[in-house]
C-alpha atoms as a PDB file:
ATOM      1  CA  MET A   1     146.800  64.445 121.410  1.00  0.00           C
ATOM      2  CA  PRO A   2     148.049  67.483 119.460  1.00  0.00           C
ATOM      3  CA  TYR A   3     147.061  71.064 120.395  1.00  0.00           C
ATOM      4  CA  GLY A   4     145.830  69.943 123.797  1.00  0.00           C
ATOM      5  CA  LEU A   5     142.455  68.765 122.508  1.00  0.00           C
ATOM      6  CA  ILE A   6     140.519  66.609 124.906  1.00  0.00           C
ATOM      7  CA  LEU A   7     137.680  64.880 123.084  1.00  0.00           C
ATOM      8  CA  PRO A   8     135.257  62.298 124.414  1.00  0.00           C
ATOM      9  CA  LEU A   9     135.927  58.781 123.187  1.00  0.00           C
ATOM     10  CA  SER A  10     132.635  58.688 121.272  1.00  0.00           C
ATOM     11  CA  LEU A  11     133.662  61.719 119.166  1.00  0.00           C
ATOM     12  CA  LYS A  12     137.056  60.189 118.356  1.00  0.00           C
ATOM     13  CA  SER A  13     135.452  57.005 117.177  1.00  0.00           C
ATOM     14  CA  GLN A  14     132.966  58.892 114.961  1.00  0.00           C
ATOM     15  CA  GLY A  15     135.723  60.615 112.994  1.00  0.00           C
ATOM     16  CA  PHE A  16     135.392  64.024 114.662  1.00  0.00           C
ATOM     17  CA  PHE A  17     139.146  64.353 115.014  1.00  0.00           C
ATOM     18  CA  ILE A  18     139.677  63.605 111.310  1.00  0.00           C
ATOM     19  CA  PHE A  19     137.053  66.235 110.404  1.00  0.00           C
ATOM     20  CA  GLY A  20     138.935  68.707 112.569  1.00  0.00           C
ATOM     21  CA  MET A  21     142.165  68.011 110.697  1.00  0.00           C
ATOM     22  CA  ARG A  22     140.418  68.499 107.332  1.00  0.00           C
ATOM     23  CA  TYR A  23     138.967  71.737 108.633  1.00  0.00           C
ATOM     24  CA  ARG A  24     142.416  72.933 109.674  1.00  0.00           C
ATOM     25  CA  ILE A  25     143.905  72.009 106.296  1.00  0.00           C
ATOM     26  CA  HIS A  26     141.156  73.952 104.523  1.00  0.00           C
ATOM     27  CA  LEU A  27     141.787  76.926 106.755  1.00  0.00           C
ATOM     28  CA  ILE A  28     145.516  76.815 106.008  1.00  0.00           C
ATOM     29  CA  LEU A  29     144.852  76.622 102.250  1.00  0.00           C
ATOM     30  CA  LEU A  30     142.347  79.467 102.418  1.00  0.00           C
ATOM     31  CA  PHE A  31     144.726  81.638 104.426  1.00  0.00           C
ATOM     32  CA  SER A  32     147.623  80.965 102.059  1.00  0.00           C
ATOM     33  CA  SER A  33     145.449  81.911  99.051  1.00  0.00           C
ATOM     34  CA  PHE A  34     144.699  85.264 100.724  1.00  0.00           C
ATOM     35  CA  ILE A  35     148.417  85.826 101.245  1.00  0.00           C
ATOM     36  CA  CYS A  36     149.150  85.042  97.587  1.00  0.00           C
ATOM     37  CA  SER A  37     146.360  87.338  96.374  1.00  0.00           C
ATOM     38  CA  ALA A  38     147.780  90.173  98.486  1.00  0.00           C
ATOM     39  CA  TYR A  39     150.994  89.977  96.467  1.00  0.00           C
ATOM     40  CA  SER A  40     149.230  89.995  93.084  1.00  0.00           C
ATOM     41  CA  GLN A  41     147.696  93.438  92.873  1.00  0.00           C
ATOM     42  CA  PRO A  42     148.020  96.506  90.705  1.00  0.00           C
ATOM     43  CA  VAL A  43     150.070  99.421  92.032  1.00  0.00           C
ATOM     44  CA  ILE A  44     149.624 102.985  90.768  1.00  0.00           C
ATOM     45  CA  LYS A  45     152.770 105.154  90.561  1.00  0.00           C
ATOM     46  CA  PHE A  46     152.551 108.752  89.358  1.00  0.00           C
ATOM     47  CA  ASP A  47     155.398 110.487  87.520  1.00  0.00           C
ATOM     48  CA  LYS A  48     154.554 113.720  89.378  1.00  0.00           C
ATOM     49  CA  THR A  49     152.086 114.100  92.224  1.00  0.00           C
ATOM     50  CA  ILE A  50     152.309 117.914  92.368  1.00  0.00           C
ATOM     51  CA  GLN A  51     152.025 120.266  89.401  1.00  0.00           C
ATOM     52  CA  ARG A  52     152.987 123.927  89.789  1.00  0.00           C
ATOM     53  CA  LEU A  53     151.159 125.909  87.132  1.00  0.00           C
ATOM     54  CA  GLY A  54     152.538 129.358  87.978  1.00  0.00           C
ATOM     55  CA  PHE A  55     150.669 132.635  87.488  1.00  0.00           C
ATOM     56  CA  VAL A  56     147.422 132.593  85.497  1.00  0.00           C
ATOM     57  CA  HIS A  57     144.563 135.043  84.986  1.00  0.00           C
ATOM     58  CA  GLN A  58     141.012 134.769  86.189  1.00  0.00           C
ATOM     59  CA  GLY A  59     138.882 133.301  83.410  1.00  0.00           C
ATOM     60  CA  ASP A  60     141.643 131.060  82.016  1.00  0.00           C
ATOM     61  CA  THR A  61     140.928 127.348  81.638  1.00  0.00           C
ATOM     62  CA  LEU A  62     143.973 125.256  82.471  1.00  0.00           C
ATOM     63  CA  LYS A  63     144.354 121.788  80.954  1.00  0.00           C
ATOM     64  CA  PHE A  64     147.020 119.389  82.194  1.00  0.00           C
ATOM     65  CA  GLU A  65     147.642 115.695  82.830  1.00  0.00           C
ATOM     66  CA  TYR A  66     148.982 113.324  85.454  1.00  0.00           C
ATOM     67  CA  THR A  67     150.755 110.329  83.935  1.00  0.00           C
ATOM     68  CA  PHE A  68     150.943 107.124  85.956  1.00  0.00           C
ATOM     69  CA  THR A  69     152.298 103.615  85.525  1.00  0.00           C
ATOM     70  CA  ASN A  70     150.832 100.343  86.749  1.00  0.00           C
ATOM     71  CA  THR A  71     153.859  98.835  88.503  1.00  0.00           C
ATOM     72  CA  GLY A  72     151.862  95.883  89.858  1.00  0.00           C
ATOM     73  CA  ASN A  73     151.194  92.526  88.223  1.00  0.00           C
ATOM     74  CA  GLN A  74     147.420  92.795  87.656  1.00  0.00           C
ATOM     75  CA  PRO A  75     145.353  95.192  85.499  1.00  0.00           C
ATOM     76  CA  LEU A  76     144.671  98.560  87.131  1.00  0.00           C
ATOM     77  CA  VAL A  77     141.130  99.963  86.987  1.00  0.00           C
ATOM     78  CA  VAL A  78     140.544 103.585  87.979  1.00  0.00           C
ATOM     79  CA  SER A  79     136.954 103.575  89.200  1.00  0.00           C
ATOM     80  CA  GLU A  80     136.534 107.192  90.287  1.00  0.00           C
ATOM     81  CA  THR A  81     138.178 110.596  90.547  1.00  0.00           C
ATOM     82  CA  LYS A  82     137.119 113.081  93.209  1.00  0.00           C
ATOM     83  CA  VAL A  83     137.880 116.799  93.080  1.00  0.00           C
ATOM     84  CA  THR A  84     137.751 119.430  95.802  1.00  0.00           C
ATOM     85  CA  CYS A  85     135.566 121.939  93.958  1.00  0.00           C
ATOM     86  CA  GLY A  86     133.193 122.322  91.032  1.00  0.00           C
ATOM     87  CA  CYS A  87     135.703 124.355  89.043  1.00  0.00           C
ATOM     88  CA  THR A  88     137.878 121.259  88.532  1.00  0.00           C
ATOM     89  CA  ILE A  89     137.045 118.330  86.257  1.00  0.00           C
ATOM     90  CA  ALA A  90     139.150 115.156  86.259  1.00  0.00           C
ATOM     91  CA  GLU A  91     138.789 112.465  83.587  1.00  0.00           C
ATOM     92  CA  LYS A  92     139.841 108.904  84.360  1.00  0.00           C
ATOM     93  CA  PRO A  93     140.999 106.287  81.833  1.00  0.00           C
ATOM     94  CA  THR A  94     138.121 104.378  80.260  1.00  0.00           C
ATOM     95  CA  HIS A  95     140.007 101.065  79.987  1.00  0.00           C
ATOM     96  CA  PRO A  96     142.081  99.001  82.436  1.00  0.00           C
ATOM     97  CA  VAL A  97     145.805  99.776  82.485  1.00  0.00           C
ATOM     98  CA  ASN A  98     147.823  96.571  82.133  1.00  0.00           C
ATOM     99  CA  PRO A  99     150.956  95.887  84.200  1.00  0.00           C
ATOM    100  CA  GLY A 100     153.893  97.981  82.972  1.00  0.00           C
ATOM    101  CA  GLN A 101     151.631 100.258  80.917  1.00  0.00           C
ATOM    102  CA  GLU A 102     150.949 103.971  81.402  1.00  0.00           C
ATOM    103  CA  GLY A 103     147.665 105.771  81.912  1.00  0.00           C
ATOM    104  CA  VAL A 104     146.616 109.406  82.134  1.00  0.00           C
ATOM    105  CA  ILE A 105     144.327 111.426  84.390  1.00  0.00           C
ATOM    106  CA  LYS A 106     143.246 114.549  82.449  1.00  0.00           C
ATOM    107  CA  VAL A 107     142.369 117.637  84.497  1.00  0.00           C
ATOM    108  CA  ARG A 108     140.671 120.923  83.560  1.00  0.00           C
ATOM    109  CA  PHE A 109     140.635 123.834  85.997  1.00  0.00           C
ATOM    110  CA  ASN A 110     138.356 126.822  85.339  1.00  0.00           C
ATOM    111  CA  THR A 111     139.864 129.841  87.104  1.00  0.00           C
ATOM    112  CA  THR A 112     136.793 132.111  86.754  1.00  0.00           C
ATOM    113  CA  PRO A 113     135.600 131.728  90.382  1.00  0.00           C
ATOM    114  CA  ALA A 114     139.127 131.587  91.821  1.00  0.00           C
ATOM    115  CA  ILE A 115     141.477 134.342  92.927  1.00  0.00           C
ATOM    116  CA  ASP A 116     144.912 134.372  94.621  1.00  0.00           C
ATOM    117  CA  ARG A 117     146.766 131.205  95.622  1.00  0.00           C
ATOM    118  CA  GLN A 118     145.157 127.899  94.732  1.00  0.00           C
ATOM    119  CA  ASP A 119     146.149 124.471  96.063  1.00  0.00           C
ATOM    120  CA  ARG A 120     143.721 121.844  94.771  1.00  0.00           C
ATOM    121  CA  THR A 121     143.662 118.069  95.115  1.00  0.00           C
ATOM    122  CA  VAL A 122     142.374 115.237  92.962  1.00  0.00           C
ATOM    123  CA  ILE A 123     141.707 111.894  94.652  1.00  0.00           C
ATOM    124  CA  ILE A 124     142.034 108.785  92.477  1.00  0.00           C
ATOM    125  CA  ILE A 125     140.115 105.680  93.569  1.00  0.00           C
ATOM    126  CA  SER A 126     141.255 102.418  91.975  1.00  0.00           C
ATOM    127  CA  ASN A 127     141.797  98.730  92.633  1.00  0.00           C
ATOM    128  CA  ALA A 128     145.484  99.393  93.364  1.00  0.00           C
ATOM    129  CA  SER A 129     146.996  98.290  96.640  1.00  0.00           C
ATOM    130  CA  ASN A 130     147.954 101.928  97.370  1.00  0.00           C
ATOM    131  CA  SER A 131     144.500 103.387  96.646  1.00  0.00           C
ATOM    132  CA  PRO A 132     143.312 106.069  97.161  1.00  0.00           C
ATOM    133  CA  SER A 133     146.024 108.191  95.565  1.00  0.00           C
ATOM    134  CA  VAL A 134     146.150 111.967  95.851  1.00  0.00           C
ATOM    135  CA  VAL A 135     147.633 114.390  93.320  1.00  0.00           C
ATOM    136  CA  ARG A 136     147.760 118.175  93.669  1.00  0.00           C
ATOM    137  CA  PHE A 137     148.121 121.265  91.566  1.00  0.00           C
ATOM    138  CA  LYS A 138     149.041 124.777  92.596  1.00  0.00           C
ATOM    139  CA  CYS A 139     148.783 128.146  90.911  1.00  0.00           C
ATOM    140  CA  VAL A 140     148.270 131.830  91.593  1.00  0.00           C
ATOM    141  CA  VAL A 141     145.200 133.327  89.943  1.00  0.00           C
ATOM    142  CA  LEU A 142     145.583 137.019  89.113  1.00  0.00           C
ATOM    143  CA  LYS A 143     142.731 139.376  88.298  1.00  0.00           C
ATOM    144  CA  ALA A 144     141.338 139.023  84.797  1.00  0.00           C
ATOM    145  CA  LYS A 145     143.052 140.933  82.017  1.00  0.00           C
ATOM    146  CA  LYS A 146     141.237 144.089  80.999  1.00  0.00           C
ATOM    147  CA  GLU A 147     140.043 144.040  77.417  1.00  0.00           C
ATOM    148  CA  LYS A 148     141.357 146.753  75.109  1.00  0.00           C
ATOM    149  CA  LYS A 149     138.732 148.924  73.444  1.00  0.00           C
END
C-alpha cells in the first residue's frame, strides 16, 4: 500500500482508501492554486523613495509627490498612508492602479512646529506583495523669516 498506510480490511472495502485519494487530490489542487495566486499580485515600485527638500523656513508648507508604478499583474489598491507626525498629510490614490500604470502619493509638510534637521517617513499600506512600503523626506528647517516693517 502506498505511503505506508495500514488500514483495516473493513475500511478498505467501504471505500475509505478511495476517499483518502480524493482528499489528497483536493489538497494538491488547493495548494497549487495558492502557489499560482502568490505569483499574481500587484507590486508597488517607487521612482524615488527619499526626497531631499533642502533648506526651508519655519512656517513654510512644502508640497511634493512620490510617483510609483504597479509592476505586478493585478490592480494595486493603496488602502492607507501613515505618517510619523501631525504636521504631515499624505493623500493616497482614490482608484486602483492597473498593472503597468502609475500612481501618486501627494504629501504636504507644515514646517511651523519643526526646527533643524527633519527626517520623516510615510508608510504606504496596499495589497501589493511588497507592502508595507516606506518613503522618506528630509529637510533642514531654519528659523522663520522676519517680516519687514
